[in-house]
Amino acid sequence: GFTEQTLSWSVERDFTTSTIFRRDDSGDHILLSKFRDRVSVPK
């Protein structure tokens, strides 16, 4: 009865929070370039 709508990972450093990874209906998105090719979430 519950479907996963969005899944996101964010990081907080020096009082600023940025989203690294987001998974939604349109797929997986890595939003911070310094993490590109370095982060993944199991499919």
ModelCIF file with pLDDT and N, C-alpha, C, O atoms, coordinates in Angstrom:
data_MODEL
#
_entry.id   MODEL 
#
_entity.id                         1 
_entity.type                       polymer 
_entity.pdbx_number_of_molecules   1 
#
_entity_poly.entity_id                      1 
_entity_poly.type                           'polypeptide(L)' 
_entity_poly.nstd_linkage                   no 
_entity_poly.nstd_monomer                   no 
_entity_poly.pdbx_seq_one_letter_code       GFTEQTLSWSVERDFTTSTIFRRDDSGDHILLSKFRDRVSVPK 
_entity_poly.pdbx_seq_one_letter_code_can   GFTEQTLSWSVERDFTTSTIFRRDDSGDHILLSKFRDRVSVPK 
_entity_poly.pdbx_strand_id                 A 
#
loop_
_entity_poly_seq.entity_id 
_entity_poly_seq.num 
_entity_poly_seq.mon_id 
_entity_poly_seq.hetero 
1 1  GLY n 
1 2  PHE n 
1 3  THR n 
1 4  GLU n 
1 5  GLN n 
1 6  THR n 
1 7  LEU n 
1 8  SER n 
1 9  TRP n 
1 10 SER n 
1 11 VAL n 
1 12 GLU n 
1 13 ARG n 
1 14 ASP n 
1 15 PHE n 
1 16 THR n 
1 17 THR n 
1 18 SER n 
1 19 THR n 
1 20 ILE n 
1 21 PHE n 
1 22 ARG n 
1 23 ARG n 
1 24 ASP n 
1 25 ASP n 
1 26 SER n 
1 27 GLY n 
1 28 ASP n 
1 29 HIS n 
1 30 ILE n 
1 31 LEU n 
1 32 LEU n 
1 33 SER n 
1 34 LYS n 
1 35 PHE n 
1 36 ARG n 
1 37 ASP n 
1 38 ARG n 
1 39 VAL n 
1 40 SER n 
1 41 VAL n 
1 42 PRO n 
1 43 LYS n 
#
_struct_asym.id          A 
_struct_asym.entity_id   1 
#
loop_
_ma_qa_metric.id 
_ma_qa_metric.mode 
_ma_qa_metric.name 
_ma_qa_metric.software_group_id 
_ma_qa_metric.type 
1 global pLDDT . pLDDT 
2 local  pLDDT . pLDDT 
#
_ma_qa_metric_global.metric_id      1 
_ma_qa_metric_global.metric_value   93.51 
_ma_qa_metric_global.model_id       1 
_ma_qa_metric_global.ordinal_id     1 
#
loop_
_ma_qa_metric_local.label_asym_id 
_ma_qa_metric_local.label_comp_id 
_ma_qa_metric_local.label_seq_id 
_ma_qa_metric_local.metric_id 
_ma_qa_metric_local.metric_value 
_ma_qa_metric_local.model_id 
_ma_qa_metric_local.ordinal_id 
A GLY 1  2 89.00 1 1  
A PHE 2  2 92.00 1 2  
A THR 3  2 92.00 1 3  
A GLU 4  2 93.00 1 4  
A GLN 5  2 93.00 1 5  
A THR 6  2 96.00 1 6  
A LEU 7  2 96.00 1 7  
A SER 8  2 97.00 1 8  
A TRP 9  2 97.00 1 9  
A SER 10 2 97.00 1 10 
A VAL 11 2 96.00 1 11 
A GLU 12 2 95.00 1 12 
A ARG 13 2 88.00 1 13 
A ASP 14 2 84.00 1 14 
A PHE 15 2 87.00 1 15 
A THR 16 2 91.00 1 16 
A THR 17 2 94.00 1 17 
A SER 18 2 95.00 1 18 
A THR 19 2 96.00 1 19 
A ILE 20 2 96.00 1 20 
A PHE 21 2 97.00 1 21 
A ARG 22 2 97.00 1 22 
A ARG 23 2 96.00 1 23 
A ASP 24 2 95.00 1 24 
A ASP 25 2 92.00 1 25 
A SER 26 2 94.00 1 26 
A GLY 27 2 93.00 1 27 
A ASP 28 2 94.00 1 28 
A HIS 29 2 95.00 1 29 
A ILE 30 2 94.00 1 30 
A LEU 31 2 92.00 1 31 
A LEU 32 2 91.00 1 32 
A SER 33 2 90.00 1 33 
A LYS 34 2 92.00 1 34 
A PHE 35 2 94.00 1 35 
A ARG 36 2 92.00 1 36 
A ASP 37 2 91.00 1 37 
A ARG 38 2 95.00 1 38 
A VAL 39 2 96.00 1 39 
A SER 40 2 95.00 1 40 
A VAL 41 2 96.00 1 41 
A PRO 42 2 94.00 1 42 
A LYS 43 2 92.00 1 43 
#
loop_
_atom_site.group_PDB 
_atom_site.id 
_atom_site.type_symbol 
_atom_site.label_atom_id 
_atom_site.label_alt_id 
_atom_site.label_comp_id 
_atom_site.label_asym_id 
_atom_site.label_entity_id 
_atom_site.label_seq_id 
_atom_site.pdbx_PDB_ins_code 
_atom_site.Cartn_x 
_atom_site.Cartn_y 
_atom_site.Cartn_z 
_atom_site.occupancy 
_atom_site.B_iso_or_equiv 
_atom_site.pdbx_formal_charge 
_atom_site.auth_seq_id 
_atom_site.auth_comp_id 
_atom_site.auth_asym_id 
_atom_site.auth_atom_id 
_atom_site.pdbx_PDB_model_num 
ATOM 1   N N  . GLY A 1 1  ? 0.795  -1.215 0.000   1.00 89.00 ? 1  GLY A N  1 
ATOM 2   C CA . GLY A 1 1  ? 0.000  0.000  0.000   1.00 89.00 ? 1  GLY A CA 1 
ATOM 3   C C  . GLY A 1 1  ? 0.828  1.266  0.000   1.00 89.00 ? 1  GLY A C  1 
ATOM 4   O O  . GLY A 1 1  ? 0.286  2.369  -0.071  1.00 89.00 ? 1  GLY A O  1 
ATOM 5   N N  . PHE A 1 2  ? 2.146  1.112  0.080   1.00 92.00 ? 2  PHE A N  1 
ATOM 6   C CA . PHE A 1 2  ? 3.016  2.297  0.042   1.00 92.00 ? 2  PHE A CA 1 
ATOM 7   C C  . PHE A 1 2  ? 4.028  2.133  -1.077  1.00 92.00 ? 2  PHE A C  1 
ATOM 8   O O  . PHE A 1 2  ? 4.707  1.109  -1.142  1.00 92.00 ? 2  PHE A O  1 
ATOM 9   N N  . THR A 1 3  ? 4.146  3.118  -1.961  1.00 92.00 ? 3  THR A N  1 
ATOM 10  C CA . THR A 1 3  ? 5.146  3.043  -3.017  1.00 92.00 ? 3  THR A CA 1 
ATOM 11  C C  . THR A 1 3  ? 6.174  4.146  -2.814  1.00 92.00 ? 3  THR A C  1 
ATOM 12  O O  . THR A 1 3  ? 5.845  5.270  -2.434  1.00 92.00 ? 3  THR A O  1 
ATOM 13  N N  . GLU A 1 4  ? 7.439  3.789  -3.080  1.00 93.00 ? 4  GLU A N  1 
ATOM 14  C CA . GLU A 1 4  ? 8.526  4.763  -2.914  1.00 93.00 ? 4  GLU A CA 1 
ATOM 15  C C  . GLU A 1 4  ? 8.385  5.823  -4.004  1.00 93.00 ? 4  GLU A C  1 
ATOM 16  O O  . GLU A 1 4  ? 8.419  5.525  -5.198  1.00 93.00 ? 4  GLU A O  1 
ATOM 17  N N  . GLN A 1 5  ? 8.227  7.055  -3.563  1.00 93.00 ? 5  GLN A N  1 
ATOM 18  C CA . GLN A 1 5  ? 8.029  8.164  -4.487  1.00 93.00 ? 5  GLN A CA 1 
ATOM 19  C C  . GLN A 1 5  ? 9.380  8.776  -4.868  1.00 93.00 ? 5  GLN A C  1 
ATOM 20  O O  . GLN A 1 5  ? 9.736  8.835  -6.045  1.00 93.00 ? 5  GLN A O  1 
ATOM 21  N N  . THR A 1 6  ? 10.114 9.225  -3.868  1.00 96.00 ? 6  THR A N  1 
ATOM 22  C CA . THR A 1 6  ? 11.459 9.757  -4.122  1.00 96.00 ? 6  THR A CA 1 
ATOM 23  C C  . THR A 1 6  ? 12.402 9.277  -3.036  1.00 96.00 ? 6  THR A C  1 
ATOM 24  O O  . THR A 1 6  ? 12.011 9.017  -1.898  1.00 96.00 ? 6  THR A O  1 
ATOM 25  N N  . LEU A 1 7  ? 13.649 9.171  -3.433  1.00 96.00 ? 7  LEU A N  1 
ATOM 26  C CA . LEU A 1 7  ? 14.711 8.796  -2.501  1.00 96.00 ? 7  LEU A CA 1 
ATOM 27  C C  . LEU A 1 7  ? 15.838 9.781  -2.746  1.00 96.00 ? 7  LEU A C  1 
ATOM 28  O O  . LEU A 1 7  ? 16.260 9.966  -3.888  1.00 96.00 ? 7  LEU A O  1 
ATOM 29  N N  . SER A 1 8  ? 16.326 10.409 -1.703  1.00 97.00 ? 8  SER A N  1 
ATOM 30  C CA . SER A 1 8  ? 17.420 11.359 -1.919  1.00 97.00 ? 8  SER A CA 1 
ATOM 31  C C  . SER A 1 8  ? 18.459 11.258 -0.808  1.00 97.00 ? 8  SER A C  1 
ATOM 32  O O  . SER A 1 8  ? 18.163 10.892 0.329   1.00 97.00 ? 8  SER A O  1 
ATOM 33  N N  . TRP A 1 9  ? 19.669 11.593 -1.181  1.00 97.00 ? 9  TRP A N  1 
ATOM 34  C CA . TRP A 1 9  ? 20.781 11.683 -0.225  1.00 97.00 ? 9  TRP A CA 1 
ATOM 35  C C  . TRP A 1 9  ? 21.313 13.109 -0.292  1.00 97.00 ? 9  TRP A C  1 
ATOM 36  O O  . TRP A 1 9  ? 21.567 13.639 -1.374  1.00 97.00 ? 9  TRP A O  1 
ATOM 37  N N  . SER A 1 10 ? 21.478 13.728 0.886   1.00 97.00 ? 10 SER A N  1 
ATOM 38  C CA . SER A 1 10 ? 22.067 15.070 0.906   1.00 97.00 ? 10 SER A CA 1 
ATOM 39  C C  . SER A 1 10 ? 23.223 15.072 1.903   1.00 97.00 ? 10 SER A C  1 
ATOM 40  O O  . SER A 1 10 ? 23.314 14.208 2.775   1.00 97.00 ? 10 SER A O  1 
ATOM 41  N N  . VAL A 1 11 ? 24.102 16.061 1.753   1.00 96.00 ? 11 VAL A N  1 
ATOM 42  C CA . VAL A 1 11 ? 25.247 16.173 2.664   1.00 96.00 ? 11 VAL A CA 1 
ATOM 43  C C  . VAL A 1 11 ? 25.273 17.574 3.247   1.00 96.00 ? 11 VAL A C  1 
ATOM 44  O O  . VAL A 1 11 ? 25.029 18.561 2.552   1.00 96.00 ? 11 VAL A O  1 
ATOM 45  N N  . GLU A 1 12 ? 25.573 17.643 4.540   1.00 95.00 ? 12 GLU A N  1 
ATOM 46  C CA . GLU A 1 12 ? 25.702 18.945 5.200   1.00 95.00 ? 12 GLU A CA 1 
ATOM 47  C C  . GLU A 1 12 ? 27.151 19.124 5.616   1.00 95.00 ? 12 GLU A C  1 
ATOM 48  O O  . GLU A 1 12 ? 27.711 18.320 6.362   1.00 95.00 ? 12 GLU A O  1 
ATOM 49  N N  . ARG A 1 13 ? 27.745 20.203 5.113   1.00 88.00 ? 13 ARG A N  1 
ATOM 50  C CA . ARG A 1 13 ? 29.126 20.546 5.453   1.00 88.00 ? 13 ARG A CA 1 
ATOM 51  C C  . ARG A 1 13 ? 29.195 22.046 5.620   1.00 88.00 ? 13 ARG A C  1 
ATOM 52  O O  . ARG A 1 13 ? 28.650 22.787 4.802   1.00 88.00 ? 13 ARG A O  1 
ATOM 53  N N  . ASP A 1 14 ? 29.857 22.507 6.671   1.00 84.00 ? 14 ASP A N  1 
ATOM 54  C CA . ASP A 1 14 ? 30.030 23.950 6.901   1.00 84.00 ? 14 ASP A CA 1 
ATOM 55  C C  . ASP A 1 14 ? 28.681 24.679 6.822   1.00 84.00 ? 14 ASP A C  1 
ATOM 56  O O  . ASP A 1 14 ? 28.569 25.735 6.199   1.00 84.00 ? 14 ASP A O  1 
ATOM 57  N N  . PHE A 1 15 ? 27.669 24.098 7.460   1.00 87.00 ? 15 PHE A N  1 
ATOM 58  C CA . PHE A 1 15 ? 26.340 24.715 7.588   1.00 87.00 ? 15 PHE A CA 1 
ATOM 59  C C  . PHE A 1 15 ? 25.594 24.883 6.267   1.00 87.00 ? 15 PHE A C  1 
ATOM 60  O O  . PHE A 1 15 ? 24.590 25.593 6.222   1.00 87.00 ? 15 PHE A O  1 
ATOM 61  N N  . THR A 1 16 ? 26.060 24.249 5.193   1.00 91.00 ? 16 THR A N  1 
ATOM 62  C CA . THR A 1 16 ? 25.273 24.276 3.963   1.00 91.00 ? 16 THR A CA 1 
ATOM 63  C C  . THR A 1 16 ? 24.915 22.839 3.604   1.00 91.00 ? 16 THR A C  1 
ATOM 64  O O  . THR A 1 16 ? 25.730 21.928 3.750   1.00 91.00 ? 16 THR A O  1 
ATOM 65  N N  . THR A 1 17 ? 23.689 22.651 3.133   1.00 94.00 ? 17 THR A N  1 
ATOM 66  C CA . THR A 1 17 ? 23.213 21.323 2.762   1.00 94.00 ? 17 THR A CA 1 
ATOM 67  C C  . THR A 1 17 ? 23.013 21.260 1.257   1.00 94.00 ? 17 THR A C  1 
ATOM 68  O O  . THR A 1 17 ? 22.388 22.144 0.672   1.00 94.00 ? 17 THR A O  1 
ATOM 69  N N  . SER A 1 18 ? 23.538 20.224 0.634   1.00 95.00 ? 18 SER A N  1 
ATOM 70  C CA . SER A 1 18 ? 23.378 20.043 -0.814  1.00 95.00 ? 18 SER A CA 1 
ATOM 71  C C  . SER A 1 18 ? 22.901 18.624 -1.082  1.00 95.00 ? 18 SER A C  1 
ATOM 72  O O  . SER A 1 18 ? 23.319 17.681 -0.410  1.00 95.00 ? 18 SER A O  1 
ATOM 73  N N  . THR A 1 19 ? 22.025 18.480 -2.067  1.00 96.00 ? 19 THR A N  1 
ATOM 74  C CA . THR A 1 19 ? 21.568 17.151 -2.455  1.00 96.00 ? 19 THR A CA 1 
ATOM 75  C C  . THR A 1 19 ? 22.591 16.523 -3.400  1.00 96.00 ? 19 THR A C  1 
ATOM 76  O O  . THR A 1 19 ? 23.018 17.131 -4.381  1.00 96.00 ? 19 THR A O  1 
ATOM 77  N N  . ILE A 1 20 ? 22.973 15.281 -3.070  1.00 96.00 ? 20 ILE A N  1 
ATOM 78  C CA . ILE A 1 20 ? 23.947 14.563 -3.889  1.00 96.00 ? 20 ILE A CA 1 
ATOM 79  C C  . ILE A 1 20 ? 23.236 13.712 -4.931  1.00 96.00 ? 20 ILE A C  1 
ATOM 80  O O  . ILE A 1 20 ? 23.553 13.744 -6.120  1.00 96.00 ? 20 ILE A O  1 
ATOM 81  N N  . PHE A 1 21 ? 22.248 12.940 -4.433  1.00 97.00 ? 21 PHE A N  1 
ATOM 82  C CA . PHE A 1 21 ? 21.636 11.903 -5.257  1.00 97.00 ? 21 PHE A CA 1 
ATOM 83  C C  . PHE A 1 21 ? 20.126 11.973 -5.110  1.00 97.00 ? 21 PHE A C  1 
ATOM 84  O O  . PHE A 1 21 ? 19.611 12.185 -4.013  1.00 97.00 ? 21 PHE A O  1 
ATOM 85  N N  . ARG A 1 22 ? 19.416 11.793 -6.226  1.00 97.00 ? 22 ARG A N  1 
ATOM 86  C CA . ARG A 1 22 ? 17.955 11.769 -6.165  1.00 97.00 ? 22 ARG A CA 1 
ATOM 87  C C  . ARG A 1 22 ? 17.432 10.711 -7.127  1.00 97.00 ? 22 ARG A C  1 
ATOM 88  O O  . ARG A 1 22 ? 17.828 10.654 -8.291  1.00 97.00 ? 22 ARG A O  1 
ATOM 89  N N  . ARG A 1 23 ? 16.536 9.878  -6.618  1.00 96.00 ? 23 ARG A N  1 
ATOM 90  C CA . ARG A 1 23 ? 15.888 8.873  -7.462  1.00 96.00 ? 23 ARG A CA 1 
ATOM 91  C C  . ARG A 1 23 ? 14.388 9.149  -7.449  1.00 96.00 ? 23 ARG A C  1 
ATOM 92  O O  . ARG A 1 23 ? 13.766 9.192  -6.388  1.00 96.00 ? 23 ARG A O  1 
ATOM 93  N N  . ASP A 1 24 ? 13.807 9.337  -8.646  1.00 95.00 ? 24 ASP A N  1 
ATOM 94  C CA . ASP A 1 24 ? 12.362 9.533  -8.747  1.00 95.00 ? 24 ASP A CA 1 
ATOM 95  C C  . ASP A 1 24 ? 11.863 8.843  -10.005 1.00 95.00 ? 24 ASP A C  1 
ATOM 96  O O  . ASP A 1 24 ? 12.570 8.014  -10.578 1.00 95.00 ? 24 ASP A O  1 
ATOM 97  N N  . ASP A 1 25 ? 10.643 9.178  -10.445 1.00 92.00 ? 25 ASP A N  1 
ATOM 98  C CA . ASP A 1 25 ? 10.065 8.514  -11.620 1.00 92.00 ? 25 ASP A CA 1 
ATOM 99  C C  . ASP A 1 25 ? 10.947 8.647  -12.853 1.00 92.00 ? 25 ASP A C  1 
ATOM 100 O O  . ASP A 1 25 ? 10.933 7.783  -13.729 1.00 92.00 ? 25 ASP A O  1 
ATOM 101 N N  . SER A 1 26 ? 11.717 9.735  -12.920 1.00 94.00 ? 26 SER A N  1 
ATOM 102 C CA . SER A 1 26 ? 12.519 9.961  -14.138 1.00 94.00 ? 26 SER A CA 1 
ATOM 103 C C  . SER A 1 26 ? 13.884 9.285  -14.071 1.00 94.00 ? 26 SER A C  1 
ATOM 104 O O  . SER A 1 26 ? 14.672 9.406  -15.009 1.00 94.00 ? 26 SER A O  1 
ATOM 105 N N  . GLY A 1 27 ? 14.183 8.572  -12.975 1.00 93.00 ? 27 GLY A N  1 
ATOM 106 C CA . GLY A 1 27 ? 15.452 7.850  -12.904 1.00 93.00 ? 27 GLY A CA 1 
ATOM 107 C C  . GLY A 1 27 ? 16.358 8.339  -11.789 1.00 93.00 ? 27 GLY A C  1 
ATOM 108 O O  . GLY A 1 27 ? 15.919 8.993  -10.844 1.00 93.00 ? 27 GLY A O  1 
ATOM 109 N N  . ASP A 1 28 ? 17.646 8.002  -11.927 1.00 94.00 ? 28 ASP A N  1 
ATOM 110 C CA . ASP A 1 28 ? 18.650 8.377  -10.926 1.00 94.00 ? 28 ASP A CA 1 
ATOM 111 C C  . ASP A 1 28 ? 19.391 9.619  -11.378 1.00 94.00 ? 28 ASP A C  1 
ATOM 112 O O  . ASP A 1 28 ? 19.790 9.726  -12.538 1.00 94.00 ? 28 ASP A O  1 
ATOM 113 N N  . HIS A 1 29 ? 19.575 10.558 -10.464 1.00 95.00 ? 29 HIS A N  1 
ATOM 114 C CA . HIS A 1 29 ? 20.273 11.803 -10.801 1.00 95.00 ? 29 HIS A CA 1 
ATOM 115 C C  . HIS A 1 29 ? 21.344 12.083 -9.757  1.00 95.00 ? 29 HIS A C  1 
ATOM 116 O O  . HIS A 1 29 ? 21.075 12.066 -8.556  1.00 95.00 ? 29 HIS A O  1 
ATOM 117 N N  . ILE A 1 30 ? 22.569 12.343 -10.230 1.00 94.00 ? 30 ILE A N  1 
ATOM 118 C CA . ILE A 1 30 ? 23.636 12.766 -9.315  1.00 94.00 ? 30 ILE A CA 1 
ATOM 119 C C  . ILE A 1 30 ? 23.789 14.263 -9.511  1.00 94.00 ? 30 ILE A C  1 
ATOM 120 O O  . ILE A 1 30 ? 24.184 14.727 -10.580 1.00 94.00 ? 30 ILE A O  1 
ATOM 121 N N  . LEU A 1 31 ? 23.468 15.016 -8.458  1.00 92.00 ? 31 LEU A N  1 
ATOM 122 C CA . LEU A 1 31 ? 23.318 16.462 -8.605  1.00 92.00 ? 31 LEU A CA 1 
ATOM 123 C C  . LEU A 1 31 ? 24.590 17.240 -8.277  1.00 92.00 ? 31 LEU A C  1 
ATOM 124 O O  . LEU A 1 31 ? 24.712 18.410 -8.642  1.00 92.00 ? 31 LEU A O  1 
ATOM 125 N N  . LEU A 1 32 ? 25.531 16.605 -7.597  1.00 91.00 ? 32 LEU A N  1 
ATOM 126 C CA . LEU A 1 32 ? 26.775 17.322 -7.279  1.00 91.00 ? 32 LEU A CA 1 
ATOM 127 C C  . LEU A 1 32 ? 27.887 16.741 -8.146  1.00 91.00 ? 32 LEU A C  1 
ATOM 128 O O  . LEU A 1 32 ? 28.182 15.547 -8.077  1.00 91.00 ? 32 LEU A O  1 
ATOM 129 N N  . SER A 1 33 ? 28.499 17.591 -8.961  1.00 90.00 ? 33 SER A N  1 
ATOM 130 C CA . SER A 1 33 ? 29.484 17.073 -9.922  1.00 90.00 ? 33 SER A CA 1 
ATOM 131 C C  . SER A 1 33 ? 30.662 16.389 -9.241  1.00 90.00 ? 33 SER A C  1 
ATOM 132 O O  . SER A 1 33 ? 31.245 15.463 -9.805  1.00 90.00 ? 33 SER A O  1 
ATOM 133 N N  . LYS A 1 34 ? 31.031 16.837 -8.013  1.00 92.00 ? 34 LYS A N  1 
ATOM 134 C CA . LYS A 1 34 ? 32.203 16.209 -7.391  1.00 92.00 ? 34 LYS A CA 1 
ATOM 135 C C  . LYS A 1 34 ? 31.931 14.760 -6.965  1.00 92.00 ? 34 LYS A C  1 
ATOM 136 O O  . LYS A 1 34 ? 32.856 14.027 -6.616  1.00 92.00 ? 34 LYS A O  1 
ATOM 137 N N  . PHE A 1 35 ? 30.642 14.352 -6.997  1.00 94.00 ? 35 PHE A N  1 
ATOM 138 C CA . PHE A 1 35 ? 30.314 12.964 -6.664  1.00 94.00 ? 35 PHE A CA 1 
ATOM 139 C C  . PHE A 1 35 ? 30.020 12.124 -7.900  1.00 94.00 ? 35 PHE A C  1 
ATOM 140 O O  . PHE A 1 35 ? 29.761 10.925 -7.792  1.00 94.00 ? 35 PHE A O  1 
ATOM 141 N N  . ARG A 1 36 ? 30.058 12.748 -9.073  1.00 92.00 ? 36 ARG A N  1 
ATOM 142 C CA . ARG A 1 36 ? 29.730 12.006 -10.283 1.00 92.00 ? 36 ARG A CA 1 
ATOM 143 C C  . ARG A 1 36 ? 30.715 10.854 -10.477 1.00 92.00 ? 36 ARG A C  1 
ATOM 144 O O  . ARG A 1 36 ? 31.915 11.012 -10.254 1.00 92.00 ? 36 ARG A O  1 
ATOM 145 N N  . ASP A 1 37 ? 30.203 9.704  -10.890 1.00 91.00 ? 37 ASP A N  1 
ATOM 146 C CA . ASP A 1 37 ? 31.018 8.492  -11.078 1.00 91.00 ? 37 ASP A CA 1 
ATOM 147 C C  . ASP A 1 37 ? 31.572 7.928  -9.772  1.00 91.00 ? 37 ASP A C  1 
ATOM 148 O O  . ASP A 1 37 ? 32.349 6.974  -9.790  1.00 91.00 ? 37 ASP A O  1 
ATOM 149 N N  . ARG A 1 38 ? 31.168 8.524  -8.619  1.00 95.00 ? 38 ARG A N  1 
ATOM 150 C CA . ARG A 1 38 ? 31.708 8.003  -7.354  1.00 95.00 ? 38 ARG A CA 1 
ATOM 151 C C  . ARG A 1 38 ? 30.619 7.500  -6.415  1.00 95.00 ? 38 ARG A C  1 
ATOM 152 O O  . ARG A 1 38 ? 30.918 6.795  -5.451  1.00 95.00 ? 38 ARG A O  1 
ATOM 153 N N  . VAL A 1 39 ? 29.348 7.852  -6.681  1.00 96.00 ? 39 VAL A N  1 
ATOM 154 C CA . VAL A 1 39 ? 28.284 7.407  -5.779  1.00 96.00 ? 39 VAL A CA 1 
ATOM 155 C C  . VAL A 1 39 ? 27.244 6.574  -6.517  1.00 96.00 ? 39 VAL A C  1 
ATOM 156 O O  . VAL A 1 39 ? 26.992 6.781  -7.704  1.00 96.00 ? 39 VAL A O  1 
ATOM 157 N N  . SER A 1 40 ? 26.643 5.625  -5.794  1.00 95.00 ? 40 SER A N  1 
ATOM 158 C CA . SER A 1 40 ? 25.566 4.819  -6.373  1.00 95.00 ? 40 SER A CA 1 
ATOM 159 C C  . SER A 1 40 ? 24.684 4.278  -5.258  1.00 95.00 ? 40 SER A C  1 
ATOM 160 O O  . SER A 1 40 ? 25.109 4.128  -4.113  1.00 95.00 ? 40 SER A O  1 
ATOM 161 N N  . VAL A 1 41 ? 23.432 3.988  -5.635  1.00 96.00 ? 41 VAL A N  1 
ATOM 162 C CA . VAL A 1 41 ? 22.456 3.391  -4.729  1.00 96.00 ? 41 VAL A CA 1 
ATOM 163 C C  . VAL A 1 41 ? 21.975 2.116  -5.425  1.00 96.00 ? 41 VAL A C  1 
ATOM 164 O O  . VAL A 1 41 ? 21.706 2.138  -6.626  1.00 96.00 ? 41 VAL A O  1 
ATOM 165 N N  . PRO A 1 42 ? 21.862 0.992  -4.679  1.00 94.00 ? 42 PRO A N  1 
ATOM 166 C CA . PRO A 1 42 ? 21.483 -0.267 -5.341  1.00 94.00 ? 42 PRO A CA 1 
ATOM 167 C C  . PRO A 1 42 ? 20.187 -0.117 -6.145  1.00 94.00 ? 42 PRO A C  1 
ATOM 168 O O  . PRO A 1 42 ? 19.237 0.534  -5.710  1.00 94.00 ? 42 PRO A O  1 
ATOM 169 N N  . LYS A 1 43 ? 20.177 -0.735 -7.321  1.00 92.00 ? 43 LYS A N  1 
ATOM 170 C CA . LYS A 1 43 ? 18.967 -0.763 -8.147  1.00 92.00 ? 43 LYS A CA 1 
ATOM 171 C C  . LYS A 1 43 ? 18.287 -2.106 -7.945  1.00 92.00 ? 43 LYS A C  1 
ATOM 172 O O  . LYS A 1 43 ? 17.241 -2.365 -8.541  1.00 92.00 ? 43 LYS A O  1 
#
